[in-house]
């Protein structure tokens, strides 16, 4: 399976998460916090078993994201839309036939992309827009100019597209 083709197809998904982002419930009691931590560690162990070279802080952060997405109402809506066919992807068959390790590796790549977008835009939003434009990821010069004036808009759109892609792959890998 070509991860680049999966990543590209999923990043081009037209449907975006709502602009208010994730709504994560915080544990109310120490017992709930312990249960959430235990669930996160179970996810981390599953991920590490599939991709043993992915360890440390990265696997814990990824497991935490997955655990939080499981409780997120918007994520549940996106999954329902995927299941009902309201959100479609060009590579459904490719994802359906992918090995579990390939799906987990794609999740890791998407997670790394999410972190990279955040860092890139924090450092210098205008340079981030120019770098993305230089990679050919913007439609035309007009789009480049618009996003140079509104870099936060590009960051939000890219982040939302990556989340949709991540949710899709995590659901296919049966983590969500």
C-alpha atoms as a PDB file:
ATOM      1  CA  UNK A   1       0.000   0.000   0.000  1.00  0.00           C
ATOM      2  CA  UNK A   2       1.272   3.447  -0.766  1.00  0.00           C
ATOM      3  CA  UNK A   3       0.945   5.608   2.330  1.00  0.00           C
ATOM      4  CA  UNK A   4       1.368   8.780   0.313  1.00  0.00           C
ATOM      5  CA  UNK A   5      -1.673   7.936  -1.791  1.00  0.00           C
ATOM      6  CA  UNK A   6      -3.758   7.234   1.302  1.00  0.00           C
ATOM      7  CA  UNK A   7      -2.556  10.416   2.964  1.00  0.00           C
ATOM      8  CA  UNK A   8      -3.172  12.526  -0.125  1.00  0.00           C
ATOM      9  CA  UNK A   9      -6.626  11.093  -0.798  1.00  0.00           C
ATOM     10  CA  UNK A  10      -7.697  11.494   2.789  1.00  0.00           C
ATOM     11  CA  UNK A  11      -6.284  14.995   3.103  1.00  0.00           C
ATOM     12  CA  UNK A  12      -8.335  16.016   0.115  1.00  0.00           C
ATOM     13  CA  UNK A  13     -11.556  15.074   1.889  1.00  0.00           C
ATOM     14  CA  UNK A  14     -14.005  17.875   1.389  1.00  0.00           C
ATOM     15  CA  UNK A  15     -15.764  17.527   4.708  1.00  0.00           C
ATOM     16  CA  UNK A  16     -14.192  19.324   7.647  1.00  0.00           C
ATOM     17  CA  UNK A  17     -14.703  19.059  11.373  1.00  0.00           C
ATOM     18  CA  UNK A  18     -16.650  21.945  12.871  1.00  0.00           C
ATOM     19  CA  UNK A  19     -14.454  24.972  13.514  1.00  0.00           C
ATOM     20  CA  UNK A  20     -14.910  24.818  17.278  1.00  0.00           C
ATOM     21  CA  UNK A  21     -12.648  21.757  17.410  1.00  0.00           C
ATOM     22  CA  UNK A  22     -12.885  18.743  19.669  1.00  0.00           C
ATOM     23  CA  UNK A  23     -15.054  18.739  22.755  1.00  0.00           C
ATOM     24  CA  UNK A  24     -13.274  16.502  25.234  1.00  0.00           C
ATOM     25  CA  UNK A  25     -14.862  15.497  28.525  1.00  0.00           C
ATOM     26  CA  UNK A  26     -12.434  15.756  31.394  1.00  0.00           C
ATOM     27  CA  UNK A  27     -12.559  13.100  34.136  1.00  0.00           C
ATOM     28  CA  UNK A  28     -14.531  14.372  37.118  1.00  0.00           C
ATOM     29  CA  UNK A  29     -13.143  12.050  39.770  1.00  0.00           C
ATOM     30  CA  UNK A  30      -9.820  10.442  40.541  1.00  0.00           C
ATOM     31  CA  UNK A  31     -11.377   7.059  39.745  1.00  0.00           C
ATOM     32  CA  UNK A  32     -12.455   8.280  36.301  1.00  0.00           C
ATOM     33  CA  UNK A  33      -8.984   9.724  35.717  1.00  0.00           C
ATOM     34  CA  UNK A  34      -7.421   6.381  36.671  1.00  0.00           C
ATOM     35  CA  UNK A  35      -9.797   4.530  34.348  1.00  0.00           C
ATOM     36  CA  UNK A  36      -9.001   6.917  31.485  1.00  0.00           C
ATOM     37  CA  UNK A  37      -5.259   6.499  32.105  1.00  0.00           C
ATOM     38  CA  UNK A  38      -5.665   2.728  32.119  1.00  0.00           C
ATOM     39  CA  UNK A  39      -7.583   2.810  28.827  1.00  0.00           C
ATOM     40  CA  UNK A  40      -4.897   5.026  27.314  1.00  0.00           C
ATOM     41  CA  UNK A  41      -2.153   2.630  28.397  1.00  0.00           C
ATOM     42  CA  UNK A  42      -4.054  -0.298  26.860  1.00  0.00           C
ATOM     43  CA  UNK A  43      -4.278   1.572  23.563  1.00  0.00           C
ATOM     44  CA  UNK A  44      -0.572   2.446  23.753  1.00  0.00           C
ATOM     45  CA  UNK A  45       0.295  -1.212  24.353  1.00  0.00           C
ATOM     46  CA  UNK A  46      -1.845  -2.273  21.349  1.00  0.00           C
ATOM     47  CA  UNK A  47      -0.165   0.312  19.135  1.00  0.00           C
ATOM     48  CA  UNK A  48       3.288  -0.690  20.331  1.00  0.00           C
ATOM     49  CA  UNK A  49       2.541  -4.355  19.698  1.00  0.00           C
ATOM     50  CA  UNK A  50       1.629  -3.604  16.077  1.00  0.00           C
ATOM     51  CA  UNK A  51       4.488  -1.153  15.457  1.00  0.00           C
ATOM     52  CA  UNK A  52       7.184  -1.999  18.047  1.00  0.00           C
ATOM     53  CA  UNK A  53       9.525   0.734  16.851  1.00  0.00           C
ATOM     54  CA  UNK A  54       6.953   3.385  17.832  1.00  0.00           C
ATOM     55  CA  UNK A  55       7.566   3.877  21.539  1.00  0.00           C
ATOM     56  CA  UNK A  56       7.955   6.490  24.236  1.00  0.00           C
ATOM     57  CA  UNK A  57       6.168   9.796  24.346  1.00  0.00           C
ATOM     58  CA  UNK A  58       4.880   9.501  20.764  1.00  0.00           C
ATOM     59  CA  UNK A  59       2.875   6.333  21.407  1.00  0.00           C
ATOM     60  CA  UNK A  60       1.488   7.791  24.651  1.00  0.00           C
ATOM     61  CA  UNK A  61       0.403  10.991  22.878  1.00  0.00           C
ATOM     62  CA  UNK A  62      -1.197   9.015  20.066  1.00  0.00           C
ATOM     63  CA  UNK A  63      -3.001   6.746  22.537  1.00  0.00           C
ATOM     64  CA  UNK A  64      -4.227   9.811  24.419  1.00  0.00           C
ATOM     65  CA  UNK A  65      -5.605  11.323  21.213  1.00  0.00           C
ATOM     66  CA  UNK A  66      -7.397   8.085  20.323  1.00  0.00           C
ATOM     67  CA  UNK A  67      -8.802   7.781  23.833  1.00  0.00           C
ATOM     68  CA  UNK A  68     -10.093  11.367  23.711  1.00  0.00           C
ATOM     69  CA  UNK A  69     -11.569  10.918  20.235  1.00  0.00           C
ATOM     70  CA  UNK A  70     -13.537   7.886  21.455  1.00  0.00           C
ATOM     71  CA  UNK A  71     -15.515  10.198  23.763  1.00  0.00           C
ATOM     72  CA  UNK A  72     -15.842  13.139  21.375  1.00  0.00           C
ATOM     73  CA  UNK A  73     -19.360  13.678  20.018  1.00  0.00           C
ATOM     74  CA  UNK A  74     -18.138  15.286  16.783  1.00  0.00           C
ATOM     75  CA  UNK A  75     -15.896  12.287  16.147  1.00  0.00           C
ATOM     76  CA  UNK A  76     -18.869   9.973  16.632  1.00  0.00           C
ATOM     77  CA  UNK A  77     -20.815  12.041  14.087  1.00  0.00           C
ATOM     78  CA  UNK A  78     -17.962  11.831  11.573  1.00  0.00           C
ATOM     79  CA  UNK A  79     -17.813   8.052  12.004  1.00  0.00           C
ATOM     80  CA  UNK A  80     -21.575   7.788  11.422  1.00  0.00           C
ATOM     81  CA  UNK A  81     -21.200   9.901   8.276  1.00  0.00           C
ATOM     82  CA  UNK A  82     -18.396   7.630   7.041  1.00  0.00           C
ATOM     83  CA  UNK A  83     -20.464   4.518   7.754  1.00  0.00           C
ATOM     84  CA  UNK A  84     -23.565   5.931   6.034  1.00  0.00           C
ATOM     85  CA  UNK A  85     -21.597   7.048   2.982  1.00  0.00           C
ATOM     86  CA  UNK A  86     -22.192  10.764   3.597  1.00  0.00           C
ATOM     87  CA  UNK A  87     -18.407  11.133   3.632  1.00  0.00           C
ATOM     88  CA  UNK A  88     -16.737   9.220   0.838  1.00  0.00           C
ATOM     89  CA  UNK A  89     -13.144   8.510  -0.064  1.00  0.00           C
ATOM     90  CA  UNK A  90     -11.558   7.477  -3.331  1.00  0.00           C
ATOM     91  CA  UNK A  91      -9.534   4.690  -1.750  1.00  0.00           C
ATOM     92  CA  UNK A  92     -12.156   2.767   0.259  1.00  0.00           C
ATOM     93  CA  UNK A  93     -11.106  -0.568  -1.212  1.00  0.00           C
ATOM     94  CA  UNK A  94      -7.420   0.098  -0.585  1.00  0.00           C
ATOM     95  CA  UNK A  95      -8.075   0.961   3.062  1.00  0.00           C
ATOM     96  CA  UNK A  96     -10.443  -1.990   3.491  1.00  0.00           C
ATOM     97  CA  UNK A  97      -7.745  -4.358   2.195  1.00  0.00           C
ATOM     98  CA  UNK A  98      -4.878  -2.799   4.143  1.00  0.00           C
ATOM     99  CA  UNK A  99      -2.976  -4.766   6.724  1.00  0.00           C
ATOM    100  CA  UNK A 100      -3.480  -3.653  10.319  1.00  0.00           C
ATOM    101  CA  UNK A 101       0.146  -2.529  10.566  1.00  0.00           C
ATOM    102  CA  UNK A 102      -0.285  -0.360   7.469  1.00  0.00           C
ATOM    103  CA  UNK A 103      -3.308   1.336   9.019  1.00  0.00           C
ATOM    104  CA  UNK A 104      -1.488   1.961  12.305  1.00  0.00           C
ATOM    105  CA  UNK A 105       1.507   3.328  10.398  1.00  0.00           C
ATOM    106  CA  UNK A 106      -0.849   5.643   8.492  1.00  0.00           C
ATOM    107  CA  UNK A 107      -2.304   6.806  11.823  1.00  0.00           C
ATOM    108  CA  UNK A 108       1.202   7.583  13.066  1.00  0.00           C
ATOM    109  CA  UNK A 109       1.982   9.549   9.896  1.00  0.00           C
ATOM    110  CA  UNK A 110      -1.247  11.537  10.193  1.00  0.00           C
ATOM    111  CA  UNK A 111      -0.595  12.208  13.878  1.00  0.00           C
ATOM    112  CA  UNK A 112       2.909  13.438  13.044  1.00  0.00           C
ATOM    113  CA  UNK A 113       1.420  15.654  10.309  1.00  0.00           C
ATOM    114  CA  UNK A 114      -1.014  17.160  12.830  1.00  0.00           C
ATOM    115  CA  UNK A 115       1.848  17.988  15.184  1.00  0.00           C
ATOM    116  CA  UNK A 116       3.965  19.367  12.322  1.00  0.00           C
ATOM    117  CA  UNK A 117       1.176  21.691  11.137  1.00  0.00           C
ATOM    118  CA  UNK A 118       0.826  23.061  14.661  1.00  0.00           C
ATOM    119  CA  UNK A 119       4.556  23.693  15.028  1.00  0.00           C
ATOM    120  CA  UNK A 120       4.929  25.094  11.515  1.00  0.00           C
ATOM    121  CA  UNK A 121       2.197  27.671  11.998  1.00  0.00           C
ATOM    122  CA  UNK A 122       3.309  28.612  15.518  1.00  0.00           C
ATOM    123  CA  UNK A 123       6.810  29.519  14.362  1.00  0.00           C
ATOM    124  CA  UNK A 124       5.945  31.718  11.386  1.00  0.00           C
ATOM    125  CA  UNK A 125       2.466  31.505   9.856  1.00  0.00           C
ATOM    126  CA  UNK A 126       3.388  33.376   6.657  1.00  0.00           C
ATOM    127  CA  UNK A 127       6.398  31.147   5.987  1.00  0.00           C
ATOM    128  CA  UNK A 128       4.179  28.137   6.682  1.00  0.00           C
ATOM    129  CA  UNK A 129       1.735  29.279   4.008  1.00  0.00           C
ATOM    130  CA  UNK A 130       4.594  29.870   1.557  1.00  0.00           C
ATOM    131  CA  UNK A 131       6.067  26.433   2.294  1.00  0.00           C
ATOM    132  CA  UNK A 132       2.716  24.760   1.740  1.00  0.00           C
ATOM    133  CA  UNK A 133       2.231  26.748  -1.459  1.00  0.00           C
ATOM    134  CA  UNK A 134       5.739  25.790  -2.576  1.00  0.00           C
ATOM    135  CA  UNK A 135       4.817  22.118  -2.168  1.00  0.00           C
ATOM    136  CA  UNK A 136       1.985  22.613  -4.653  1.00  0.00           C
ATOM    137  CA  UNK A 137      -0.696  22.052  -2.043  1.00  0.00           C
ATOM    138  CA  UNK A 138      -2.574  25.273  -2.875  1.00  0.00           C
ATOM    139  CA  UNK A 139      -4.723  25.547  -5.963  1.00  0.00           C
ATOM    140  CA  UNK A 140      -3.255  28.708  -7.435  1.00  0.00           C
ATOM    141  CA  UNK A 141      -1.593  32.064  -6.801  1.00  0.00           C
ATOM    142  CA  UNK A 142      -4.906  33.561  -5.707  1.00  0.00           C
ATOM    143  CA  UNK A 143      -5.239  30.933  -2.956  1.00  0.00           C
ATOM    144  CA  UNK A 144      -1.667  31.592  -1.872  1.00  0.00           C
ATOM    145  CA  UNK A 145      -2.364  35.315  -1.581  1.00  0.00           C
ATOM    146  CA  UNK A 146      -5.588  34.699   0.359  1.00  0.00           C
ATOM    147  CA  UNK A 147      -3.878  32.392   2.847  1.00  0.00           C
ATOM    148  CA  UNK A 148      -0.923  34.744   3.255  1.00  0.00           C
ATOM    149  CA  UNK A 149      -3.472  37.265   4.503  1.00  0.00           C
ATOM    150  CA  UNK A 150      -5.350  34.595   6.503  1.00  0.00           C
ATOM    151  CA  UNK A 151      -2.805  31.958   7.610  1.00  0.00           C
ATOM    152  CA  UNK A 152      -4.993  30.802  10.495  1.00  0.00           C
ATOM    153  CA  UNK A 153      -7.668  29.795   7.988  1.00  0.00           C
ATOM    154  CA  UNK A 154      -5.229  27.490   6.179  1.00  0.00           C
ATOM    155  CA  UNK A 155      -4.015  26.020   9.458  1.00  0.00           C
ATOM    156  CA  UNK A 156      -7.598  25.320  10.557  1.00  0.00           C
ATOM    157  CA  UNK A 157      -8.543  23.740   7.228  1.00  0.00           C
ATOM    158  CA  UNK A 158      -5.463  21.542   7.108  1.00  0.00           C
ATOM    159  CA  UNK A 159      -5.886  20.483  10.731  1.00  0.00           C
ATOM    160  CA  UNK A 160      -9.536  19.633  10.179  1.00  0.00           C
ATOM    161  CA  UNK A 161      -8.742  17.626   7.049  1.00  0.00           C
ATOM    162  CA  UNK A 162      -6.037  15.718   8.886  1.00  0.00           C
ATOM    163  CA  UNK A 163      -8.425  14.964  11.749  1.00  0.00           C
ATOM    164  CA  UNK A 164     -11.026  13.612   9.317  1.00  0.00           C
ATOM    165  CA  UNK A 165      -8.331  11.445   7.751  1.00  0.00           C
ATOM    166  CA  UNK A 166      -7.068  10.308  11.132  1.00  0.00           C
ATOM    167  CA  UNK A 167     -10.575   9.406  12.291  1.00  0.00           C
ATOM    168  CA  UNK A 168     -11.147   7.450   9.078  1.00  0.00           C
ATOM    169  CA  UNK A 169      -7.972   5.403   9.442  1.00  0.00           C
ATOM    170  CA  UNK A 170      -8.373   4.898  13.206  1.00  0.00           C
ATOM    171  CA  UNK A 171     -11.920   3.676  12.602  1.00  0.00           C
ATOM    172  CA  UNK A 172     -10.755   1.311   9.847  1.00  0.00           C
ATOM    173  CA  UNK A 173      -8.077  -0.011  12.230  1.00  0.00           C
ATOM    174  CA  UNK A 174     -10.796  -0.486  14.873  1.00  0.00           C
ATOM    175  CA  UNK A 175      -9.379   1.993  17.376  1.00  0.00           C
ATOM    176  CA  UNK A 176     -12.489   4.168  17.088  1.00  0.00           C
END
